[in-house]
Amino acid sequence: MRYVFVVLISYLLGNLSFAYILGKLLMKKDVRDFGSGNSGTTNAIRAFGKKIGIMVFAGDVLKGIVAVLIGKALLGEVGSYLAGVFVIVGHNWPALLNFKGGKGVATTIGVMLIISPTATFICFVVGITIAFITRMVSLGSIIGMILGPIVILLVERPLNFNIFLFCFSVAAMSIYRHRENIKRLMQGKENKL
């Protein structure tokens, strides 16, 4: 029963779309009507500006943290991974928004902050640096996610193979969500922020 609870509460937490909520509350607009149509941080910045974008980012990170802490408290390490996967799934494919969510980067950062703070910090710094230099958030996000499993192999001692598999899985989910961005990057047509 606890496994079902962790899955459900994590998925529902993921459904809390701060881009949608703050857009409606503060701007009386639906973030999905702008830009990429995603309800994530980057699209919130494009639609509503930096201040709301930062609040969206913080909210999406926080829900990842909360989900993993709940999963960990109830089921230990397995609960952390289960909660981590389902809060990201809930963000990316939220039932409350007709399964049209974000790309899961901020929520993944929140999840990984609890699971491996050191790896998260390294990937975040690399990703944000690339995004800042190129002005392409997607490129920074993709490289940060690709680095995740590699950095886990380097920093986790003793290496826990479960954490590697988990990190690989959430990275693969994010890269899948960025598939259109990857096509545009390869064509030299990706949007800059």
N, C-alpha and C. Protein backbone atom coordinates (compact mmCIF):
# COMPACT_ATOMS: atom_id res chain seq x y z
N MET A 1 0.82 -1.22 0.00
CA MET A 1 0.00 0.00 0.00
C MET A 1 0.86 1.27 0.00
N ARG A 2 2.00 1.19 0.73
CA ARG A 2 2.88 2.36 0.77
C ARG A 2 3.48 2.65 -0.61
N TYR A 3 3.74 1.61 -1.38
CA TYR A 3 4.28 1.80 -2.73
C TYR A 3 3.27 2.57 -3.59
N VAL A 4 2.01 2.18 -3.50
CA VAL A 4 0.95 2.85 -4.26
C VAL A 4 0.84 4.30 -3.82
N PHE A 5 0.90 4.53 -2.51
CA PHE A 5 0.81 5.90 -1.98
C PHE A 5 1.95 6.76 -2.52
N VAL A 6 3.17 6.23 -2.48
CA VAL A 6 4.34 6.98 -2.96
C VAL A 6 4.19 7.32 -4.44
N VAL A 7 3.77 6.35 -5.23
CA VAL A 7 3.57 6.59 -6.67
C VAL A 7 2.52 7.68 -6.89
N LEU A 8 1.38 7.56 -6.23
CA LEU A 8 0.28 8.51 -6.43
C LEU A 8 0.62 9.91 -5.95
N ILE A 9 1.17 10.02 -4.73
CA ILE A 9 1.48 11.35 -4.18
C ILE A 9 2.57 12.02 -5.02
N SER A 10 3.53 11.25 -5.48
CA SER A 10 4.62 11.80 -6.30
C SER A 10 4.09 12.28 -7.65
N TYR A 11 3.25 11.45 -8.27
CA TYR A 11 2.68 11.84 -9.56
C TYR A 11 1.83 13.10 -9.41
N LEU A 12 1.03 13.17 -8.34
CA LEU A 12 0.19 14.36 -8.12
C LEU A 12 1.02 15.60 -7.82
N LEU A 13 2.10 15.43 -7.07
CA LEU A 13 3.01 16.57 -6.84
C LEU A 13 3.58 17.05 -8.17
N GLY A 14 3.95 16.11 -9.03
CA GLY A 14 4.46 16.46 -10.35
C GLY A 14 3.44 17.24 -11.17
N ASN A 15 2.16 16.97 -10.94
CA ASN A 15 1.08 17.66 -11.67
C ASN A 15 0.96 19.13 -11.27
N LEU A 16 1.53 19.52 -10.14
CA LEU A 16 1.49 20.93 -9.73
C LEU A 16 2.38 21.72 -10.68
N SER A 17 1.79 22.33 -11.67
CA SER A 17 2.54 23.08 -12.67
C SER A 17 2.64 24.54 -12.24
N PHE A 18 3.80 24.91 -11.74
CA PHE A 18 3.98 26.28 -11.26
C PHE A 18 3.95 27.29 -12.40
N ALA A 19 4.36 26.87 -13.60
CA ALA A 19 4.26 27.77 -14.76
C ALA A 19 2.80 28.09 -15.05
N TYR A 20 1.96 27.07 -14.98
CA TYR A 20 0.53 27.26 -15.23
C TYR A 20 -0.11 28.06 -14.09
N ILE A 21 0.15 27.65 -12.84
CA ILE A 21 -0.47 28.29 -11.68
C ILE A 21 -0.09 29.76 -11.58
N LEU A 22 1.21 30.05 -11.65
CA LEU A 22 1.66 31.44 -11.51
C LEU A 22 1.25 32.29 -12.70
N GLY A 23 1.24 31.68 -13.89
CA GLY A 23 0.77 32.41 -15.07
C GLY A 23 -0.68 32.83 -14.92
N LYS A 24 -1.49 31.92 -14.43
CA LYS A 24 -2.92 32.22 -14.24
C LYS A 24 -3.13 33.23 -13.10
N LEU A 25 -2.42 33.03 -11.98
CA LEU A 25 -2.60 33.90 -10.82
C LEU A 25 -2.07 35.31 -11.04
N LEU A 26 -0.87 35.40 -11.60
CA LEU A 26 -0.20 36.70 -11.70
C LEU A 26 -0.40 37.42 -13.03
N MET A 27 -0.60 36.65 -14.10
CA MET A 27 -0.69 37.26 -15.43
C MET A 27 -2.05 37.04 -16.11
N LYS A 28 -2.88 36.18 -15.49
CA LYS A 28 -4.18 35.82 -16.07
C LYS A 28 -4.03 35.22 -17.47
N LYS A 29 -2.93 34.47 -17.65
CA LYS A 29 -2.64 33.86 -18.95
C LYS A 29 -2.22 32.40 -18.75
N ASP A 30 -2.42 31.60 -19.80
CA ASP A 30 -2.03 30.20 -19.78
C ASP A 30 -0.68 30.07 -20.49
N VAL A 31 0.34 29.61 -19.77
CA VAL A 31 1.69 29.51 -20.31
C VAL A 31 1.73 28.65 -21.57
N ARG A 32 0.79 27.72 -21.69
CA ARG A 32 0.78 26.81 -22.84
C ARG A 32 0.35 27.49 -24.14
N ASP A 33 -0.15 28.74 -24.02
CA ASP A 33 -0.54 29.50 -25.21
C ASP A 33 0.65 30.25 -25.83
N PHE A 34 1.84 30.09 -25.24
CA PHE A 34 3.01 30.84 -25.69
C PHE A 34 4.14 29.90 -26.10
N GLY A 35 5.03 30.41 -26.91
CA GLY A 35 6.27 29.73 -27.26
C GLY A 35 6.10 28.28 -27.65
N SER A 36 6.78 27.41 -26.89
CA SER A 36 6.78 25.97 -27.18
C SER A 36 5.49 25.29 -26.77
N GLY A 37 4.68 25.97 -25.97
CA GLY A 37 3.45 25.36 -25.46
C GLY A 37 3.67 24.49 -24.24
N ASN A 38 4.93 24.40 -23.77
CA ASN A 38 5.24 23.62 -22.58
C ASN A 38 4.94 24.41 -21.32
N SER A 39 4.66 23.68 -20.24
CA SER A 39 4.44 24.35 -18.96
C SER A 39 5.66 24.14 -18.07
N GLY A 40 6.78 24.67 -18.54
CA GLY A 40 8.04 24.56 -17.80
C GLY A 40 8.71 25.91 -17.64
N THR A 41 9.87 25.90 -17.02
CA THR A 41 10.59 27.13 -16.67
C THR A 41 10.94 27.99 -17.88
N THR A 42 11.56 27.37 -18.89
CA THR A 42 12.02 28.15 -20.04
C THR A 42 10.86 28.86 -20.73
N ASN A 43 9.77 28.15 -20.92
CA ASN A 43 8.61 28.76 -21.58
C ASN A 43 7.99 29.83 -20.69
N ALA A 44 8.03 29.63 -19.37
CA ALA A 44 7.52 30.65 -18.44
C ALA A 44 8.35 31.92 -18.54
N ILE A 45 9.67 31.78 -18.68
CA ILE A 45 10.53 32.96 -18.84
C ILE A 45 10.18 33.69 -20.13
N ARG A 46 10.02 32.93 -21.21
CA ARG A 46 9.67 33.54 -22.49
C ARG A 46 8.31 34.25 -22.42
N ALA A 47 7.36 33.62 -21.75
CA ALA A 47 5.99 34.15 -21.72
C ALA A 47 5.80 35.26 -20.70
N PHE A 48 6.43 35.11 -19.52
CA PHE A 48 6.11 36.01 -18.40
C PHE A 48 7.30 36.78 -17.82
N GLY A 49 8.50 36.48 -18.27
CA GLY A 49 9.67 37.21 -17.78
C GLY A 49 10.46 36.44 -16.72
N LYS A 50 11.61 37.02 -16.35
CA LYS A 50 12.56 36.33 -15.46
C LYS A 50 12.02 36.10 -14.06
N LYS A 51 11.33 37.07 -13.48
CA LYS A 51 10.87 36.93 -12.09
C LYS A 51 9.96 35.72 -11.94
N ILE A 52 8.96 35.64 -12.80
CA ILE A 52 8.04 34.49 -12.73
C ILE A 52 8.78 33.21 -13.11
N GLY A 53 9.69 33.30 -14.07
CA GLY A 53 10.49 32.14 -14.47
C GLY A 53 11.29 31.57 -13.31
N ILE A 54 11.88 32.44 -12.49
CA ILE A 54 12.66 32.00 -11.33
C ILE A 54 11.74 31.34 -10.30
N MET A 55 10.55 31.91 -10.10
CA MET A 55 9.59 31.32 -9.16
C MET A 55 9.14 29.94 -9.65
N VAL A 56 8.91 29.81 -10.96
CA VAL A 56 8.53 28.52 -11.54
C VAL A 56 9.65 27.50 -11.32
N PHE A 57 10.87 27.90 -11.60
CA PHE A 57 12.03 27.01 -11.41
C PHE A 57 12.10 26.54 -9.96
N ALA A 58 11.98 27.48 -9.02
CA ALA A 58 12.06 27.14 -7.60
C ALA A 58 10.94 26.17 -7.20
N GLY A 59 9.74 26.43 -7.68
CA GLY A 59 8.60 25.55 -7.36
C GLY A 59 8.78 24.16 -7.92
N ASP A 60 9.29 24.07 -9.16
CA ASP A 60 9.48 22.77 -9.79
C ASP A 60 10.61 21.97 -9.12
N VAL A 61 11.66 22.68 -8.70
CA VAL A 61 12.73 22.03 -7.93
C VAL A 61 12.18 21.52 -6.61
N LEU A 62 11.40 22.38 -5.93
CA LEU A 62 10.86 22.03 -4.60
C LEU A 62 9.96 20.79 -4.64
N LYS A 63 9.14 20.68 -5.67
CA LYS A 63 8.25 19.50 -5.70
C LYS A 63 9.06 18.21 -5.90
N GLY A 64 10.18 18.29 -6.61
CA GLY A 64 11.06 17.13 -6.74
C GLY A 64 11.67 16.75 -5.40
N ILE A 65 12.10 17.76 -4.65
CA ILE A 65 12.68 17.52 -3.32
C ILE A 65 11.65 16.89 -2.39
N VAL A 66 10.46 17.49 -2.33
CA VAL A 66 9.42 17.01 -1.42
C VAL A 66 9.03 15.57 -1.74
N ALA A 67 8.85 15.26 -3.02
CA ALA A 67 8.46 13.90 -3.41
C ALA A 67 9.49 12.87 -2.96
N VAL A 68 10.76 13.16 -3.20
CA VAL A 68 11.81 12.21 -2.84
C VAL A 68 11.91 12.05 -1.32
N LEU A 69 11.75 13.14 -0.59
CA LEU A 69 11.79 13.05 0.88
C LEU A 69 10.64 12.20 1.41
N ILE A 70 9.46 12.33 0.80
CA ILE A 70 8.32 11.49 1.21
C ILE A 70 8.62 10.03 0.88
N GLY A 71 9.08 9.77 -0.34
CA GLY A 71 9.40 8.40 -0.75
C GLY A 71 10.46 7.77 0.14
N LYS A 72 11.48 8.56 0.48
CA LYS A 72 12.58 8.08 1.32
C LYS A 72 12.09 7.77 2.73
N ALA A 73 11.24 8.64 3.27
CA ALA A 73 10.72 8.45 4.63
C ALA A 73 9.87 7.18 4.73
N LEU A 74 9.13 6.87 3.66
CA LEU A 74 8.21 5.73 3.70
C LEU A 74 8.84 4.41 3.25
N LEU A 75 9.78 4.48 2.30
CA LEU A 75 10.28 3.23 1.71
C LEU A 75 11.80 3.18 1.56
N GLY A 76 12.50 4.13 2.15
CA GLY A 76 13.96 4.12 2.06
C GLY A 76 14.47 4.43 0.66
N GLU A 77 15.58 3.81 0.29
CA GLU A 77 16.22 4.09 -0.99
C GLU A 77 15.29 3.81 -2.17
N VAL A 78 14.59 2.69 -2.12
CA VAL A 78 13.65 2.34 -3.20
C VAL A 78 12.58 3.42 -3.34
N GLY A 79 12.08 3.91 -2.21
CA GLY A 79 11.07 4.97 -2.22
C GLY A 79 11.58 6.25 -2.84
N SER A 80 12.85 6.56 -2.61
CA SER A 80 13.46 7.75 -3.22
C SER A 80 13.41 7.66 -4.74
N TYR A 81 13.80 6.50 -5.26
CA TYR A 81 13.84 6.31 -6.70
C TYR A 81 12.44 6.28 -7.30
N LEU A 82 11.53 5.59 -6.62
CA LEU A 82 10.15 5.50 -7.09
C LEU A 82 9.51 6.89 -7.14
N ALA A 83 9.66 7.64 -6.05
CA ALA A 83 9.11 8.99 -5.98
C ALA A 83 9.76 9.89 -7.03
N GLY A 84 11.08 9.75 -7.20
CA GLY A 84 11.80 10.57 -8.18
C GLY A 84 11.28 10.38 -9.59
N VAL A 85 11.09 9.12 -9.97
CA VAL A 85 10.58 8.83 -11.32
C VAL A 85 9.18 9.41 -11.49
N PHE A 86 8.31 9.17 -10.52
CA PHE A 86 6.90 9.53 -10.72
C PHE A 86 6.62 11.02 -10.57
N VAL A 87 7.43 11.75 -9.80
CA VAL A 87 7.23 13.20 -9.75
C VAL A 87 7.65 13.82 -11.09
N ILE A 88 8.67 13.26 -11.72
CA ILE A 88 9.10 13.75 -13.04
C ILE A 88 8.07 13.38 -14.10
N VAL A 89 7.56 12.14 -14.04
CA VAL A 89 6.50 11.73 -14.97
C VAL A 89 5.29 12.64 -14.82
N GLY A 90 4.93 12.95 -13.57
CA GLY A 90 3.80 13.84 -13.31
C GLY A 90 4.00 15.24 -13.86
N HIS A 91 5.24 15.71 -13.80
CA HIS A 91 5.56 17.03 -14.37
C HIS A 91 5.50 17.00 -15.90
N ASN A 92 6.09 15.96 -16.47
CA ASN A 92 6.17 15.87 -17.94
C ASN A 92 4.83 15.56 -18.60
N TRP A 93 4.05 14.70 -17.94
CA TRP A 93 2.77 14.26 -18.50
C TRP A 93 1.66 14.40 -17.44
N PRO A 94 1.30 15.64 -17.08
CA PRO A 94 0.32 15.85 -16.00
C PRO A 94 -1.12 15.62 -16.45
N ALA A 95 -1.80 14.72 -15.77
CA ALA A 95 -3.21 14.45 -16.09
C ALA A 95 -4.05 15.71 -15.93
N LEU A 96 -3.69 16.56 -14.97
CA LEU A 96 -4.47 17.78 -14.70
C LEU A 96 -4.35 18.82 -15.81
N LEU A 97 -3.35 18.67 -16.67
CA LEU A 97 -3.18 19.60 -17.80
C LEU A 97 -3.22 18.84 -19.13
N ASN A 98 -4.07 17.84 -19.20
CA ASN A 98 -4.22 17.05 -20.43
C ASN A 98 -2.90 16.45 -20.91
N PHE A 99 -2.05 16.07 -19.96
CA PHE A 99 -0.78 15.41 -20.24
C PHE A 99 0.20 16.28 -21.03
N LYS A 100 0.02 17.59 -20.94
CA LYS A 100 0.92 18.51 -21.64
C LYS A 100 1.71 19.31 -20.60
N GLY A 101 2.89 18.78 -20.25
CA GLY A 101 3.69 19.38 -19.20
C GLY A 101 4.98 19.98 -19.71
N GLY A 102 5.96 20.02 -18.81
CA GLY A 102 7.26 20.56 -19.16
C GLY A 102 8.22 19.45 -19.58
N LYS A 103 9.51 19.76 -19.49
CA LYS A 103 10.52 18.78 -19.91
C LYS A 103 11.25 18.15 -18.73
N GLY A 104 10.88 18.57 -17.54
CA GLY A 104 11.33 17.88 -16.34
C GLY A 104 12.69 18.24 -15.81
N VAL A 105 13.36 19.25 -16.35
CA VAL A 105 14.73 19.55 -15.93
C VAL A 105 14.77 20.05 -14.49
N ALA A 106 13.96 21.07 -14.17
CA ALA A 106 13.97 21.63 -12.81
C ALA A 106 13.54 20.59 -11.79
N THR A 107 12.52 19.80 -12.12
CA THR A 107 12.05 18.77 -11.19
C THR A 107 13.12 17.70 -11.01
N THR A 108 13.82 17.34 -12.08
CA THR A 108 14.92 16.38 -11.98
C THR A 108 16.03 16.93 -11.09
N ILE A 109 16.31 18.21 -11.20
CA ILE A 109 17.32 18.84 -10.32
C ILE A 109 16.91 18.67 -8.86
N GLY A 110 15.63 18.94 -8.56
CA GLY A 110 15.14 18.77 -7.20
C GLY A 110 15.28 17.34 -6.71
N VAL A 111 14.91 16.41 -7.55
CA VAL A 111 15.02 14.98 -7.21
C VAL A 111 16.47 14.61 -6.93
N MET A 112 17.36 15.01 -7.83
CA MET A 112 18.77 14.62 -7.72
C MET A 112 19.49 15.35 -6.59
N LEU A 113 18.98 16.51 -6.17
CA LEU A 113 19.59 17.21 -5.03
C LEU A 113 19.55 16.35 -3.77
N ILE A 114 18.50 15.56 -3.63
CA ILE A 114 18.39 14.67 -2.47
C ILE A 114 19.17 13.38 -2.71
N ILE A 115 19.12 12.87 -3.92
CA ILE A 115 19.74 11.57 -4.21
C ILE A 115 21.26 11.67 -4.33
N SER A 116 21.76 12.72 -4.98
CA SER A 116 23.22 12.92 -5.10
C SER A 116 23.53 14.41 -5.25
N PRO A 117 23.65 15.12 -4.13
CA PRO A 117 23.88 16.57 -4.19
C PRO A 117 25.14 16.96 -4.98
N THR A 118 26.21 16.20 -4.81
CA THR A 118 27.48 16.53 -5.48
C THR A 118 27.34 16.43 -6.99
N ALA A 119 26.80 15.31 -7.46
CA ALA A 119 26.60 15.13 -8.91
C ALA A 119 25.67 16.20 -9.47
N THR A 120 24.62 16.53 -8.72
CA THR A 120 23.66 17.54 -9.16
C THR A 120 24.34 18.90 -9.31
N PHE A 121 25.15 19.26 -8.34
CA PHE A 121 25.85 20.55 -8.37
C PHE A 121 26.76 20.63 -9.60
N ILE A 122 27.52 19.57 -9.85
CA ILE A 122 28.45 19.57 -10.99
C ILE A 122 27.68 19.71 -12.31
N CYS A 123 26.64 18.90 -12.48
CA CYS A 123 25.85 18.94 -13.72
C CYS A 123 25.15 20.28 -13.90
N PHE A 124 24.63 20.83 -12.80
CA PHE A 124 23.95 22.12 -12.85
C PHE A 124 24.90 23.23 -13.29
N VAL A 125 26.09 23.26 -12.69
CA VAL A 125 27.07 24.30 -13.03
C VAL A 125 27.47 24.20 -14.50
N VAL A 126 27.73 22.98 -14.97
CA VAL A 126 28.09 22.79 -16.39
C VAL A 126 26.93 23.21 -17.29
N GLY A 127 25.73 22.74 -16.97
CA GLY A 127 24.55 23.05 -17.79
C GLY A 127 24.25 24.53 -17.85
N ILE A 128 24.28 25.20 -16.70
CA ILE A 128 23.94 26.63 -16.65
C ILE A 128 25.01 27.46 -17.36
N THR A 129 26.27 27.02 -17.28
CA THR A 129 27.37 27.72 -17.97
C THR A 129 27.18 27.63 -19.47
N ILE A 130 26.86 26.44 -19.97
CA ILE A 130 26.63 26.26 -21.41
C ILE A 130 25.42 27.07 -21.86
N ALA A 131 24.35 27.05 -21.06
CA ALA A 131 23.15 27.83 -21.41
C ALA A 131 23.46 29.32 -21.44
N PHE A 132 24.25 29.78 -20.50
CA PHE A 132 24.61 31.20 -20.42
C PHE A 132 25.47 31.62 -21.62
N ILE A 133 26.45 30.80 -21.95
CA ILE A 133 27.36 31.13 -23.06
C ILE A 133 26.64 31.09 -24.40
N THR A 134 25.83 30.07 -24.62
CA THR A 134 25.18 29.88 -25.92
C THR A 134 23.81 30.55 -26.02
N ARG A 135 23.25 30.92 -24.84
CA ARG A 135 21.89 31.44 -24.74
C ARG A 135 20.85 30.40 -25.21
N MET A 136 21.24 29.12 -25.16
CA MET A 136 20.32 28.03 -25.50
C MET A 136 20.14 27.15 -24.27
N VAL A 137 19.01 27.35 -23.58
CA VAL A 137 18.72 26.59 -22.36
C VAL A 137 18.66 25.10 -22.68
N SER A 138 18.09 24.76 -23.82
CA SER A 138 17.95 23.34 -24.18
C SER A 138 19.31 22.65 -24.28
N LEU A 139 20.30 23.33 -24.85
CA LEU A 139 21.63 22.73 -25.00
C LEU A 139 22.25 22.48 -23.62
N GLY A 140 22.15 23.48 -22.74
CA GLY A 140 22.66 23.31 -21.38
C GLY A 140 21.95 22.18 -20.65
N SER A 141 20.63 22.11 -20.83
CA SER A 141 19.84 21.07 -20.17
C SER A 141 20.23 19.68 -20.67
N ILE A 142 20.34 19.55 -21.98
CA ILE A 142 20.67 18.25 -22.58
C ILE A 142 22.06 17.78 -22.13
N ILE A 143 23.03 18.67 -22.18
CA ILE A 143 24.40 18.29 -21.79
C ILE A 143 24.44 17.97 -20.30
N GLY A 144 23.76 18.78 -19.48
CA GLY A 144 23.70 18.49 -18.05
C GLY A 144 23.11 17.13 -17.77
N MET A 145 22.05 16.78 -18.49
CA MET A 145 21.40 15.47 -18.30
C MET A 145 22.29 14.32 -18.78
N ILE A 146 22.95 14.50 -19.91
CA ILE A 146 23.85 13.46 -20.42
C ILE A 146 24.99 13.22 -19.43
N LEU A 147 25.48 14.30 -18.83
CA LEU A 147 26.57 14.19 -17.87
C LEU A 147 26.17 13.46 -16.59
N GLY A 148 24.87 13.54 -16.23
CA GLY A 148 24.41 12.99 -14.96
C GLY A 148 24.92 11.59 -14.63
N PRO A 149 24.61 10.60 -15.46
CA PRO A 149 25.06 9.23 -15.15
C PRO A 149 26.58 9.10 -15.13
N ILE A 150 27.27 9.87 -15.97
CA ILE A 150 28.74 9.83 -16.02
C ILE A 150 29.32 10.36 -14.71
N VAL A 151 28.77 11.51 -14.26
CA VAL A 151 29.25 12.11 -13.02
C VAL A 151 28.94 11.21 -11.83
N ILE A 152 27.78 10.56 -11.84
CA ILE A 152 27.44 9.60 -10.77
C ILE A 152 28.52 8.53 -10.65
N LEU A 153 28.98 8.01 -11.81
CA LEU A 153 30.03 6.98 -11.80
C LEU A 153 31.33 7.50 -11.17
N LEU A 154 31.57 8.82 -11.34
CA LEU A 154 32.82 9.40 -10.84
C LEU A 154 32.76 9.79 -9.37
N VAL A 155 31.60 10.22 -8.89
CA VAL A 155 31.55 10.79 -7.53
C VAL A 155 30.96 9.86 -6.46
N GLU A 156 30.15 8.90 -6.85
CA GLU A 156 29.52 8.03 -5.85
C GLU A 156 30.49 6.94 -5.40
N ARG A 157 30.85 6.97 -4.12
CA ARG A 157 31.76 5.98 -3.55
C ARG A 157 31.22 5.50 -2.22
N PRO A 158 31.03 4.19 -2.03
CA PRO A 158 31.18 3.17 -3.06
C PRO A 158 30.05 3.30 -4.08
N LEU A 159 30.32 2.92 -5.30
CA LEU A 159 29.32 3.06 -6.36
C LEU A 159 28.13 2.16 -6.09
N ASN A 160 26.98 2.77 -6.08
CA ASN A 160 25.73 2.04 -5.92
C ASN A 160 25.12 1.93 -7.32
N PHE A 161 25.06 0.72 -7.86
CA PHE A 161 24.59 0.56 -9.24
C PHE A 161 23.14 1.03 -9.40
N ASN A 162 22.35 0.93 -8.33
CA ASN A 162 20.95 1.39 -8.39
C ASN A 162 20.86 2.88 -8.68
N ILE A 163 21.75 3.66 -8.07
CA ILE A 163 21.70 5.11 -8.28
C ILE A 163 22.11 5.44 -9.72
N PHE A 164 23.06 4.66 -10.27
CA PHE A 164 23.45 4.86 -11.66
C PHE A 164 22.27 4.57 -12.59
N LEU A 165 21.60 3.44 -12.38
CA LEU A 165 20.44 3.09 -13.21
C LEU A 165 19.33 4.13 -13.10
N PHE A 166 19.11 4.60 -11.89
CA PHE A 166 18.09 5.63 -11.68
C PHE A 166 18.46 6.90 -12.45
N CYS A 167 19.69 7.35 -12.27
CA CYS A 167 20.14 8.58 -12.93
C CYS A 167 20.08 8.44 -14.45
N PHE A 168 20.48 7.28 -14.96
CA PHE A 168 20.42 7.02 -16.39
C PHE A 168 18.98 7.10 -16.88
N SER A 169 18.05 6.54 -16.10
CA SER A 169 16.62 6.53 -16.49
C SER A 169 16.04 7.93 -16.55
N VAL A 170 16.30 8.76 -15.51
CA VAL A 170 15.72 10.10 -15.52
C VAL A 170 16.37 10.98 -16.58
N ALA A 171 17.67 10.74 -16.83
CA ALA A 171 18.35 11.48 -17.90
C ALA A 171 17.75 11.12 -19.26
N ALA A 172 17.51 9.82 -19.47
CA ALA A 172 16.93 9.36 -20.74
C ALA A 172 15.54 9.95 -20.94
N MET A 173 14.76 10.06 -19.85
CA MET A 173 13.42 10.63 -19.94
C MET A 173 13.50 12.10 -20.38
N SER A 174 14.45 12.83 -19.79
CA SER A 174 14.60 14.25 -20.14
C SER A 174 15.07 14.43 -21.58
N ILE A 175 16.01 13.60 -21.99
CA ILE A 175 16.52 13.70 -23.36
C ILE A 175 15.41 13.37 -24.36
N TYR A 176 14.58 12.39 -24.02
CA TYR A 176 13.43 12.08 -24.86
C TYR A 176 12.51 13.29 -24.98
N ARG A 177 12.28 13.99 -23.90
CA ARG A 177 11.42 15.18 -23.92
C ARG A 177 12.04 16.31 -24.74
N HIS A 178 13.36 16.28 -24.89
CA HIS A 178 14.06 17.32 -25.66
C HIS A 178 14.30 16.92 -27.12
N ARG A 179 13.63 15.87 -27.59
CA ARG A 179 13.94 15.36 -28.94
C ARG A 179 13.74 16.39 -30.04
N GLU A 180 12.72 17.25 -29.92
CA GLU A 180 12.51 18.30 -30.94
C GLU A 180 13.63 19.34 -30.88
N ASN A 181 14.07 19.66 -29.64
CA ASN A 181 15.19 20.59 -29.48
C ASN A 181 16.45 20.02 -30.11
N ILE A 182 16.66 18.72 -29.93
CA ILE A 182 17.85 18.08 -30.49
C ILE A 182 17.83 18.17 -32.01
N LYS A 183 16.66 17.95 -32.61
CA LYS A 183 16.55 18.10 -34.07
C LYS A 183 16.90 19.51 -34.50
N ARG A 184 16.34 20.51 -33.79
CA ARG A 184 16.62 21.91 -34.15
C ARG A 184 18.09 22.27 -33.93
N LEU A 185 18.68 21.73 -32.88
CA LEU A 185 20.11 21.98 -32.63
C LEU A 185 20.96 21.42 -33.76
N MET A 186 20.61 20.24 -34.24
CA MET A 186 21.35 19.62 -35.33
C MET A 186 21.18 20.38 -36.64
N GLN A 187 20.04 21.06 -36.77
CA GLN A 187 19.77 21.84 -37.98
C GLN A 187 20.25 23.29 -37.85
N GLY A 188 20.74 23.65 -36.67
CA GLY A 188 21.18 25.03 -36.40
C GLY A 188 20.02 25.99 -36.29
N LYS A 189 18.86 25.49 -35.90
CA LYS A 189 17.65 26.33 -35.85
C LYS A 189 17.10 26.50 -34.44
N GLU A 190 17.84 26.11 -33.41
CA GLU A 190 17.30 26.17 -32.06
C GLU A 190 17.13 27.62 -31.60
N ASN A 191 16.04 27.86 -30.87
CA ASN A 191 15.76 29.20 -30.36
C ASN A 191 16.72 29.56 -29.23
N LYS A 192 17.06 30.86 -29.17
CA LYS A 192 17.90 31.37 -28.09
C LYS A 192 17.04 32.15 -27.12
N LEU A 193 17.48 32.17 -25.87
CA LEU A 193 16.71 32.87 -24.83
C LEU A 193 17.17 34.31 -24.74
